[in-house]
Amino acid sequence: MVSKSNRSRRYTEEFKRDAVALVRSSGKTVTEVAREIGVSAEGVRNWVKQDTIDRGQGAPGELTSAEREELRRLRRQNRERAETIEALRNAAVFFVKESDR
């Protein structure tokens, strides 16, 4: 029996692009291509869907890869700023208590 790791594999953008191109040009199903390249069919299906969105052919409201990356960046930046604000707030409370002594 083969055990599966809890961590998913990471594939390069080039590998994903090649897989999507193979699906689009070969006339084979996503499942067939996935089996050939040793990737889950769901993974390849997601890559094809994201490529369709990135080409501007997705449903309204679906985020392109660039938009997803920007959202990730902004959320990280927001989290970092919230942590900085909390640290400054704690420092202010500390100094107020110290000055009252």
C-alpha atoms as a PDB file:
ATOM      1  CA  MET A   1       0.000   0.000   0.000  1.00  0.00           C
ATOM      2  CA  VAL A   2       1.327   3.430  -0.930  1.00  0.00           C
ATOM      3  CA  SER A   3       0.981   6.152   1.685  1.00  0.00           C
ATOM      4  CA  LYS A   4       0.165   9.654   0.594  1.00  0.00           C
ATOM      5  CA  SER A   5       1.801  12.685   2.097  1.00  0.00           C
ATOM      6  CA  ASN A   6      -0.422  15.281   3.711  1.00  0.00           C
ATOM      7  CA  ARG A   7       1.432  17.972   1.785  1.00  0.00           C
ATOM      8  CA  SER A   8       0.399  18.535  -1.775  1.00  0.00           C
ATOM      9  CA  ARG A   9       3.053  18.650  -4.436  1.00  0.00           C
ATOM     10  CA  ARG A  10       4.060  21.942  -5.951  1.00  0.00           C
ATOM     11  CA  TYR A  11       4.340  22.195  -9.711  1.00  0.00           C
ATOM     12  CA  THR A  12       6.093  24.952 -11.624  1.00  0.00           C
ATOM     13  CA  GLU A  13       4.060  27.433 -13.632  1.00  0.00           C
ATOM     14  CA  GLU A  14       5.742  26.092 -16.763  1.00  0.00           C
ATOM     15  CA  PHE A  15       4.612  22.538 -15.945  1.00  0.00           C
ATOM     16  CA  LYS A  16       1.049  23.751 -15.400  1.00  0.00           C
ATOM     17  CA  ARG A  17       1.069  25.748 -18.662  1.00  0.00           C
ATOM     18  CA  ASP A  18       2.347  22.705 -20.555  1.00  0.00           C
ATOM     19  CA  ALA A  19      -0.343  20.498 -19.003  1.00  0.00           C
ATOM     20  CA  VAL A  20      -3.078  22.976 -19.957  1.00  0.00           C
ATOM     21  CA  ALA A  21      -1.682  23.262 -23.488  1.00  0.00           C
ATOM     22  CA  LEU A  22      -1.674  19.465 -23.768  1.00  0.00           C
ATOM     23  CA  VAL A  23      -5.333  19.295 -22.730  1.00  0.00           C
ATOM     24  CA  ARG A  24      -6.304  22.025 -25.177  1.00  0.00           C
ATOM     25  CA  SER A  25      -4.310  20.736 -28.150  1.00  0.00           C
ATOM     26  CA  SER A  26      -4.444  16.959 -27.843  1.00  0.00           C
ATOM     27  CA  GLY A  27      -8.171  16.349 -27.916  1.00  0.00           C
ATOM     28  CA  LYS A  28      -7.745  14.123 -24.868  1.00  0.00           C
ATOM     29  CA  THR A  29      -9.807  14.481 -21.738  1.00  0.00           C
ATOM     30  CA  VAL A  30      -8.434  16.120 -18.616  1.00  0.00           C
ATOM     31  CA  THR A  31      -8.431  12.716 -16.927  1.00  0.00           C
ATOM     32  CA  GLU A  32      -6.387  11.132 -19.724  1.00  0.00           C
ATOM     33  CA  VAL A  33      -3.816  13.914 -19.696  1.00  0.00           C
ATOM     34  CA  ALA A  34      -3.629  13.839 -15.895  1.00  0.00           C
ATOM     35  CA  ARG A  35      -2.995  10.107 -15.922  1.00  0.00           C
ATOM     36  CA  GLU A  36      -0.263  10.506 -18.560  1.00  0.00           C
ATOM     37  CA  ILE A  37       1.628  13.178 -16.629  1.00  0.00           C
ATOM     38  CA  GLY A  38       1.053  11.688 -13.177  1.00  0.00           C
ATOM     39  CA  VAL A  39      -1.065  14.455 -11.684  1.00  0.00           C
ATOM     40  CA  SER A  40      -4.537  14.290 -10.182  1.00  0.00           C
ATOM     41  CA  ALA A  41      -7.336  14.970 -12.625  1.00  0.00           C
ATOM     42  CA  GLU A  42      -8.781  17.555 -10.232  1.00  0.00           C
ATOM     43  CA  GLY A  43      -5.472  19.428 -10.226  1.00  0.00           C
ATOM     44  CA  VAL A  44      -5.299  19.579 -14.024  1.00  0.00           C
ATOM     45  CA  ARG A  45      -8.991  20.528 -14.174  1.00  0.00           C
ATOM     46  CA  ASN A  46      -8.299  23.443 -11.796  1.00  0.00           C
ATOM     47  CA  TRP A  47      -5.334  24.567 -13.930  1.00  0.00           C
ATOM     48  CA  VAL A  48      -7.467  24.526 -17.082  1.00  0.00           C
ATOM     49  CA  LYS A  49     -10.241  26.461 -15.320  1.00  0.00           C
ATOM     50  CA  GLN A  50      -7.797  29.087 -14.006  1.00  0.00           C
ATOM     51  CA  ASP A  51      -6.269  29.428 -17.482  1.00  0.00           C
ATOM     52  CA  THR A  52      -9.737  30.045 -18.903  1.00  0.00           C
ATOM     53  CA  ILE A  53     -10.323  32.757 -16.289  1.00  0.00           C
ATOM     54  CA  ASP A  54      -6.914  34.321 -16.964  1.00  0.00           C
ATOM     55  CA  ARG A  55      -7.805  34.515 -20.661  1.00  0.00           C
ATOM     56  CA  GLY A  56     -10.856  36.597 -19.752  1.00  0.00           C
ATOM     57  CA  GLN A  57     -13.327  33.833 -20.537  1.00  0.00           C
ATOM     58  CA  GLY A  58     -14.379  33.033 -16.991  1.00  0.00           C
ATOM     59  CA  ALA A  59     -17.651  33.758 -15.273  1.00  0.00           C
ATOM     60  CA  PRO A  60     -18.181  37.249 -13.885  1.00  0.00           C
ATOM     61  CA  GLY A  61     -16.598  37.690 -10.472  1.00  0.00           C
ATOM     62  CA  GLU A  62     -13.948  34.987 -10.859  1.00  0.00           C
ATOM     63  CA  LEU A  63     -10.460  36.233 -10.000  1.00  0.00           C
ATOM     64  CA  THR A  64      -7.546  35.998 -12.405  1.00  0.00           C
ATOM     65  CA  SER A  65      -4.211  34.692 -11.150  1.00  0.00           C
ATOM     66  CA  ALA A  66      -2.886  38.266 -10.959  1.00  0.00           C
ATOM     67  CA  GLU A  67      -5.901  39.361  -8.925  1.00  0.00           C
ATOM     68  CA  ARG A  68      -5.524  36.378  -6.584  1.00  0.00           C
ATOM     69  CA  GLU A  69      -1.852  37.219  -6.050  1.00  0.00           C
ATOM     70  CA  GLU A  70      -2.668  40.868  -5.353  1.00  0.00           C
ATOM     71  CA  LEU A  71      -5.362  39.827  -2.872  1.00  0.00           C
ATOM     72  CA  ARG A  72      -2.877  37.530  -1.104  1.00  0.00           C
ATOM     73  CA  ARG A  73      -0.312  40.343  -0.986  1.00  0.00           C
ATOM     74  CA  LEU A  74      -2.812  42.864   0.364  1.00  0.00           C
ATOM     75  CA  ARG A  75      -4.090  40.459   3.021  1.00  0.00           C
ATOM     76  CA  ARG A  76      -0.519  39.753   4.148  1.00  0.00           C
ATOM     77  CA  GLN A  77       0.218  43.492   4.235  1.00  0.00           C
ATOM     78  CA  ASN A  78      -2.973  44.131   6.209  1.00  0.00           C
ATOM     79  CA  ARG A  79      -2.075  41.409   8.718  1.00  0.00           C
ATOM     80  CA  GLU A  80       1.427  42.840   9.176  1.00  0.00           C
ATOM     81  CA  ARG A  81       0.064  46.331   9.730  1.00  0.00           C
ATOM     82  CA  ALA A  82      -2.487  45.056  12.243  1.00  0.00           C
ATOM     83  CA  GLU A  83       0.343  43.367  14.153  1.00  0.00           C
ATOM     84  CA  THR A  84       2.366  46.590  14.090  1.00  0.00           C
ATOM     85  CA  ILE A  85      -0.609  48.585  15.368  1.00  0.00           C
ATOM     86  CA  GLU A  86      -1.146  46.071  18.181  1.00  0.00           C
ATOM     87  CA  ALA A  87       2.536  46.276  19.183  1.00  0.00           C
ATOM     88  CA  LEU A  88       2.393  50.083  19.217  1.00  0.00           C
ATOM     89  CA  ARG A  89      -0.822  49.994  21.236  1.00  0.00           C
ATOM     90  CA  ASN A  90       0.803  47.698  23.796  1.00  0.00           C
ATOM     91  CA  ALA A  91       3.869  49.958  23.959  1.00  0.00           C
ATOM     92  CA  ALA A  92       1.671  53.012  24.521  1.00  0.00           C
ATOM     93  CA  VAL A  93      -0.177  51.252  27.350  1.00  0.00           C
ATOM     94  CA  PHE A  94       3.153  50.254  28.897  1.00  0.00           C
ATOM     95  CA  PHE A  95       4.538  53.797  28.761  1.00  0.00           C
ATOM     96  CA  VAL A  96       1.340  55.292  30.185  1.00  0.00           C
ATOM     97  CA  LYS A  97       1.529  52.872  33.119  1.00  0.00           C
ATOM     98  CA  GLU A  98       5.222  53.685  33.624  1.00  0.00           C
ATOM     99  CA  SER A  99       4.627  57.431  33.602  1.00  0.00           C
ATOM    100  CA  ASP A 100       1.883  57.071  36.230  1.00  0.00           C
ATOM    101  CA  ARG A 101       4.336  55.575  38.729  1.00  0.00           C
END
